[in-house]
Amino acid sequence: MILNPWTLANEQVWQKTHRLGGKLFVLVGVLGIISVFFNPMLRFGLFMGGVVALLVVTTV
């Protein structure tokens, strides 16, 4: 769950944030699966970049 003060204060914001977060989690998961075919350093960078982007987007 994404528990921010603004998501807790408004049901509509809660719904929109979690729908976007769910889609982004799936996208980062697919990126992680695809990155298996890359070298370990690139794989780590892609996955961590995806996770950081996911956190930033859902927080902002």
PDB file of N, CA and C in Angstrom:
ATOM      1  N   MET A   1       0.834  -1.184   0.000  1.00  0.00           N
ATOM      2  CA  MET A   1       0.000   0.000   0.000  1.00  0.00           C
ATOM      3  C   MET A   1       0.878   1.246   0.000  1.00  0.00           C
ATOM      4  N   ILE A   2       0.359   2.249  -0.610  1.00  0.00           N
ATOM      5  CA  ILE A   2       1.049   3.529  -0.672  1.00  0.00           C
ATOM      6  C   ILE A   2       0.372   4.437   0.349  1.00  0.00           C
ATOM      7  N   LEU A   3       1.026   4.606   1.478  1.00  0.00           N
ATOM      8  CA  LEU A   3       0.432   5.367   2.573  1.00  0.00           C
ATOM      9  C   LEU A   3       1.101   6.733   2.701  1.00  0.00           C
ATOM     10  N   ASN A   4       0.522   7.700   2.066  1.00  0.00           N
ATOM     11  CA  ASN A   4       0.959   9.088   2.170  1.00  0.00           C
ATOM     12  C   ASN A   4      -0.177   9.875   2.805  1.00  0.00           C
ATOM     13  N   PRO A   5       0.111  11.015   3.412  1.00  0.00           N
ATOM     14  CA  PRO A   5      -0.974  11.797   4.009  1.00  0.00           C
ATOM     15  C   PRO A   5      -2.063  12.168   3.004  1.00  0.00           C
ATOM     16  N   TRP A   6      -1.671  12.474   1.755  1.00  0.00           N
ATOM     17  CA  TRP A   6      -2.675  12.894   0.774  1.00  0.00           C
ATOM     18  C   TRP A   6      -3.480  11.714   0.233  1.00  0.00           C
ATOM     19  N   THR A   7      -2.926  10.504   0.248  1.00  0.00           N
ATOM     20  CA  THR A   7      -3.721   9.352  -0.178  1.00  0.00           C
ATOM     21  C   THR A   7      -4.690   8.929   0.921  1.00  0.00           C
ATOM     22  N   LEU A   8      -4.296   9.118   2.157  1.00  0.00           N
ATOM     23  CA  LEU A   8      -5.173   8.774   3.272  1.00  0.00           C
ATOM     24  C   LEU A   8      -6.315   9.768   3.435  1.00  0.00           C
ATOM     25  N   ALA A   9      -6.109  10.993   2.974  1.00  0.00           N
ATOM     26  CA  ALA A   9      -7.108  12.051   3.169  1.00  0.00           C
ATOM     27  C   ALA A   9      -8.228  12.012   2.133  1.00  0.00           C
ATOM     28  N   ASN A  10      -7.991  11.397   0.975  1.00  0.00           N
ATOM     29  CA  ASN A  10      -8.968  11.474  -0.105  1.00  0.00           C
ATOM     30  C   ASN A  10      -9.089  10.107  -0.785  1.00  0.00           C
ATOM     31  N   GLU A  11     -10.295   9.570  -0.839  1.00  0.00           N
ATOM     32  CA  GLU A  11     -10.537   8.254  -1.436  1.00  0.00           C
ATOM     33  C   GLU A  11     -10.214   8.224  -2.925  1.00  0.00           C
ATOM     34  N   GLN A  12     -10.537   9.292  -3.643  1.00  0.00           N
ATOM     35  CA  GLN A  12     -10.275   9.337  -5.085  1.00  0.00           C
ATOM     36  C   GLN A  12      -8.764   9.351  -5.356  1.00  0.00           C
ATOM     37  N   VAL A  13      -8.019  10.089  -4.565  1.00  0.00           N
ATOM     38  CA  VAL A  13      -6.560  10.112  -4.716  1.00  0.00           C
ATOM     39  C   VAL A  13      -5.981   8.736  -4.380  1.00  0.00           C
ATOM     40  N   TRP A  14      -6.533   8.083  -3.367  1.00  0.00           N
ATOM     41  CA  TRP A  14      -6.110   6.731  -3.002  1.00  0.00           C
ATOM     42  C   TRP A  14      -6.272   5.779  -4.186  1.00  0.00           C
ATOM     43  N   GLN A  15      -7.442   5.800  -4.817  1.00  0.00           N
ATOM     44  CA  GLN A  15      -7.719   4.917  -5.937  1.00  0.00           C
ATOM     45  C   GLN A  15      -6.783   5.183  -7.114  1.00  0.00           C
ATOM     46  N   LYS A  16      -6.638   6.446  -7.482  1.00  0.00           N
ATOM     47  CA  LYS A  16      -5.790   6.792  -8.635  1.00  0.00           C
ATOM     48  C   LYS A  16      -4.329   6.434  -8.378  1.00  0.00           C
ATOM     49  N   THR A  17      -3.847   6.697  -7.167  1.00  0.00           N
ATOM     50  CA  THR A  17      -2.455   6.405  -6.838  1.00  0.00           C
ATOM     51  C   THR A  17      -2.184   4.910  -6.889  1.00  0.00           C
ATOM     52  N   HIS A  18      -3.090   4.121  -6.352  1.00  0.00           N
ATOM     53  CA  HIS A  18      -2.869   2.678  -6.334  1.00  0.00           C
ATOM     54  C   HIS A  18      -3.058   2.033  -7.706  1.00  0.00           C
ATOM     55  N   ARG A  19      -3.919   2.584  -8.524  1.00  0.00           N
ATOM     56  CA  ARG A  19      -4.033   2.070  -9.899  1.00  0.00           C
ATOM     57  C   ARG A  19      -2.756   2.338 -10.682  1.00  0.00           C
ATOM     58  N   LEU A  20      -2.230   3.552 -10.564  1.00  0.00           N
ATOM     59  CA  LEU A  20      -0.975   3.884 -11.233  1.00  0.00           C
ATOM     60  C   LEU A  20       0.168   3.051 -10.663  1.00  0.00           C
ATOM     61  N   GLY A  21       0.218   2.929  -9.342  1.00  0.00           N
ATOM     62  CA  GLY A  21       1.271   2.139  -8.711  1.00  0.00           C
ATOM     63  C   GLY A  21       1.234   0.692  -9.150  1.00  0.00           C
ATOM     64  N   GLY A  22       0.052   0.118  -9.273  1.00  0.00           N
ATOM     65  CA  GLY A  22      -0.077  -1.260  -9.724  1.00  0.00           C
ATOM     66  C   GLY A  22       0.456  -1.458 -11.128  1.00  0.00           C
ATOM     67  N   LYS A  23       0.119  -0.536 -12.011  1.00  0.00           N
ATOM     68  CA  LYS A  23       0.615  -0.621 -13.387  1.00  0.00           C
ATOM     69  C   LYS A  23       2.137  -0.486 -13.428  1.00  0.00           C
ATOM     70  N   LEU A  24       2.669   0.417 -12.619  1.00  0.00           N
ATOM     71  CA  LEU A  24       4.115   0.611 -12.606  1.00  0.00           C
ATOM     72  C   LEU A  24       4.836  -0.591 -12.008  1.00  0.00           C
ATOM     73  N   PHE A  25       4.252  -1.215 -10.981  1.00  0.00           N
ATOM     74  CA  PHE A  25       4.852  -2.427 -10.415  1.00  0.00           C
ATOM     75  C   PHE A  25       4.928  -3.532 -11.460  1.00  0.00           C
ATOM     76  N   VAL A  26       3.886  -3.692 -12.244  1.00  0.00           N
ATOM     77  CA  VAL A  26       3.890  -4.701 -13.310  1.00  0.00           C
ATOM     78  C   VAL A  26       4.972  -4.358 -14.335  1.00  0.00           C
ATOM     79  N   LEU A  27       5.064  -3.091 -14.713  1.00  0.00           N
ATOM     80  CA  LEU A  27       6.071  -2.665 -15.683  1.00  0.00           C
ATOM     81  C   LEU A  27       7.487  -2.931 -15.173  1.00  0.00           C
ATOM     82  N   VAL A  28       7.747  -2.626 -13.913  1.00  0.00           N
ATOM     83  CA  VAL A  28       9.071  -2.878 -13.342  1.00  0.00           C
ATOM     84  C   VAL A  28       9.336  -4.381 -13.256  1.00  0.00           C
ATOM     85  N   GLY A  29       8.310  -5.169 -12.974  1.00  0.00           N
ATOM     86  CA  GLY A  29       8.473  -6.619 -12.958  1.00  0.00           C
ATOM     87  C   GLY A  29       8.824  -7.173 -14.323  1.00  0.00           C
ATOM     88  N   VAL A  30       8.144  -6.684 -15.354  1.00  0.00           N
ATOM     89  CA  VAL A  30       8.449  -7.113 -16.724  1.00  0.00           C
ATOM     90  C   VAL A  30       9.862  -6.680 -17.099  1.00  0.00           C
ATOM     91  N   LEU A  31      10.245  -5.479 -16.715  1.00  0.00           N
ATOM     92  CA  LEU A  31      11.610  -5.008 -16.959  1.00  0.00           C
ATOM     93  C   LEU A  31      12.622  -5.918 -16.268  1.00  0.00           C
ATOM     94  N   GLY A  32      12.307  -6.343 -15.050  1.00  0.00           N
ATOM     95  CA  GLY A  32      13.191  -7.267 -14.333  1.00  0.00           C
ATOM     96  C   GLY A  32      13.322  -8.600 -15.033  1.00  0.00           C
ATOM     97  N   ILE A  33      12.222  -9.101 -15.577  1.00  0.00           N
ATOM     98  CA  ILE A  33      12.266 -10.378 -16.300  1.00  0.00           C
ATOM     99  C   ILE A  33      13.084 -10.243 -17.583  1.00  0.00           C
ATOM    100  N   ILE A  34      12.872  -9.156 -18.311  1.00  0.00           N
ATOM    101  CA  ILE A  34      13.612  -8.939 -19.558  1.00  0.00           C
ATOM    102  C   ILE A  34      15.100  -8.738 -19.291  1.00  0.00           C
ATOM    103  N   SER A  35      15.420  -8.100 -18.156  1.00  0.00           N
ATOM    104  CA  SER A  35      16.821  -7.790 -17.865  1.00  0.00           C
ATOM    105  C   SER A  35      17.647  -9.026 -17.519  1.00  0.00           C
ATOM    106  N   VAL A  36      17.015 -10.182 -17.377  1.00  0.00           N
ATOM    107  CA  VAL A  36      17.753 -11.415 -17.108  1.00  0.00           C
ATOM    108  C   VAL A  36      18.755 -11.699 -18.231  1.00  0.00           C
ATOM    109  N   PHE A  37      18.451 -11.229 -19.422  1.00  0.00           N
ATOM    110  CA  PHE A  37      19.301 -11.500 -20.569  1.00  0.00           C
ATOM    111  C   PHE A  37      20.484 -10.531 -20.692  1.00  0.00           C
ATOM    112  N   PHE A  38      20.572  -9.533 -19.807  1.00  0.00           N
ATOM    113  CA  PHE A  38      21.660  -8.559 -19.842  1.00  0.00           C
ATOM    114  C   PHE A  38      22.731  -8.944 -18.832  1.00  0.00           C
ATOM    115  N   ASN A  39      23.857  -8.242 -18.898  1.00  0.00           N
ATOM    116  CA  ASN A  39      24.915  -8.527 -17.928  1.00  0.00           C
ATOM    117  C   ASN A  39      24.482  -8.055 -16.533  1.00  0.00           C
ATOM    118  N   PRO A  40      25.090  -8.589 -15.468  1.00  0.00           N
ATOM    119  CA  PRO A  40      24.623  -8.312 -14.111  1.00  0.00           C
ATOM    120  C   PRO A  40      24.614  -6.841 -13.716  1.00  0.00           C
ATOM    121  N   MET A  41      25.600  -6.084 -14.134  1.00  0.00           N
ATOM    122  CA  MET A  41      25.638  -4.665 -13.754  1.00  0.00           C
ATOM    123  C   MET A  41      24.501  -3.889 -14.413  1.00  0.00           C
ATOM    124  N   LEU A  42      24.268  -4.136 -15.687  1.00  0.00           N
ATOM    125  CA  LEU A  42      23.178  -3.482 -16.394  1.00  0.00           C
ATOM    126  C   LEU A  42      21.832  -3.916 -15.816  1.00  0.00           C
ATOM    127  N   ARG A  43      21.706  -5.182 -15.491  1.00  0.00           N
ATOM    128  CA  ARG A  43      20.479  -5.713 -14.888  1.00  0.00           C
ATOM    129  C   ARG A  43      20.180  -5.009 -13.576  1.00  0.00           C
ATOM    130  N   PHE A  44      21.194  -4.882 -12.732  1.00  0.00           N
ATOM    131  CA  PHE A  44      21.017  -4.209 -11.453  1.00  0.00           C
ATOM    132  C   PHE A  44      20.624  -2.751 -11.656  1.00  0.00           C
ATOM    133  N   GLY A  45      21.288  -2.074 -12.581  1.00  0.00           N
ATOM    134  CA  GLY A  45      20.986  -0.673 -12.852  1.00  0.00           C
ATOM    135  C   GLY A  45      19.573  -0.470 -13.380  1.00  0.00           C
ATOM    136  N   LEU A  46      19.142  -1.320 -14.293  1.00  0.00           N
ATOM    137  CA  LEU A  46      17.783  -1.214 -14.832  1.00  0.00           C
ATOM    138  C   LEU A  46      16.737  -1.461 -13.757  1.00  0.00           C
ATOM    139  N   PHE A  47      16.952  -2.499 -12.964  1.00  0.00           N
ATOM    140  CA  PHE A  47      15.977  -2.827 -11.945  1.00  0.00           C
ATOM    141  C   PHE A  47      15.901  -1.756 -10.864  1.00  0.00           C
ATOM    142  N   MET A  48      17.041  -1.313 -10.379  1.00  0.00           N
ATOM    143  CA  MET A  48      17.046  -0.281  -9.330  1.00  0.00           C
ATOM    144  C   MET A  48      16.530   1.048  -9.876  1.00  0.00           C
ATOM    145  N   GLY A  49      16.859   1.370 -11.116  1.00  0.00           N
ATOM    146  CA  GLY A  49      16.313   2.581 -11.728  1.00  0.00           C
ATOM    147  C   GLY A  49      14.803   2.517 -11.831  1.00  0.00           C
ATOM    148  N   GLY A  50      14.281   1.347 -12.181  1.00  0.00           N
ATOM    149  CA  GLY A  50      12.835   1.166 -12.252  1.00  0.00           C
ATOM    150  C   GLY A  50      12.179   1.304 -10.899  1.00  0.00           C
ATOM    151  N   VAL A  51      12.791   0.746  -9.874  1.00  0.00           N
ATOM    152  CA  VAL A  51      12.235   0.841  -8.522  1.00  0.00           C
ATOM    153  C   VAL A  51      12.256   2.281  -8.026  1.00  0.00           C
ATOM    154  N   VAL A  52      13.343   2.983  -8.255  1.00  0.00           N
ATOM    155  CA  VAL A  52      13.430   4.385  -7.831  1.00  0.00           C
ATOM    156  C   VAL A  52      12.407   5.225  -8.587  1.00  0.00           C
ATOM    157  N   ALA A  53      12.276   5.002  -9.884  1.00  0.00           N
ATOM    158  CA  ALA A  53      11.277   5.740 -10.663  1.00  0.00           C
ATOM    159  C   ALA A  53       9.874   5.439 -10.156  1.00  0.00           C
ATOM    160  N   LEU A  54       9.604   4.193  -9.830  1.00  0.00           N
ATOM    161  CA  LEU A  54       8.302   3.800  -9.284  1.00  0.00           C
ATOM    162  C   LEU A  54       8.025   4.540  -7.985  1.00  0.00           C
ATOM    163  N   LEU A  55       8.987   4.588  -7.109  1.00  0.00           N
ATOM    164  CA  LEU A  55       8.797   5.277  -5.828  1.00  0.00           C
ATOM    165  C   LEU A  55       8.586   6.775  -6.008  1.00  0.00           C
ATOM    166  N   VAL A  56       9.370   7.377  -6.893  1.00  0.00           N
ATOM    167  CA  VAL A  56       9.248   8.822  -7.121  1.00  0.00           C
ATOM    168  C   VAL A  56       7.891   9.166  -7.736  1.00  0.00           C
ATOM    169  N   VAL A  57       7.487   8.413  -8.747  1.00  0.00           N
ATOM    170  CA  VAL A  57       6.227   8.715  -9.441  1.00  0.00           C
ATOM    171  C   VAL A  57       5.033   8.543  -8.509  1.00  0.00           C
ATOM    172  N   THR A  58       5.006   7.471  -7.725  1.00  0.00           N
ATOM    173  CA  THR A  58       3.854   7.263  -6.849  1.00  0.00           C
ATOM    174  C   THR A  58       3.842   8.220  -5.664  1.00  0.00           C
ATOM    175  N   THR A  59       5.002   8.723  -5.279  1.00  0.00           N
ATOM    176  CA  THR A  59       5.043   9.694  -4.186  1.00  0.00           C
ATOM    177  C   THR A  59       4.676  11.084  -4.652  1.00  0.00           C
ATOM    178  N   VAL A  60       5.122  11.446  -5.838  1.00  0.00           N
ATOM    179  CA  VAL A  60       4.827  12.781  -6.347  1.00  0.00           C
ATOM    180  C   VAL A  60       3.408  12.790  -6.883  1.00  0.00           C
TER     181      VAL A  60
END
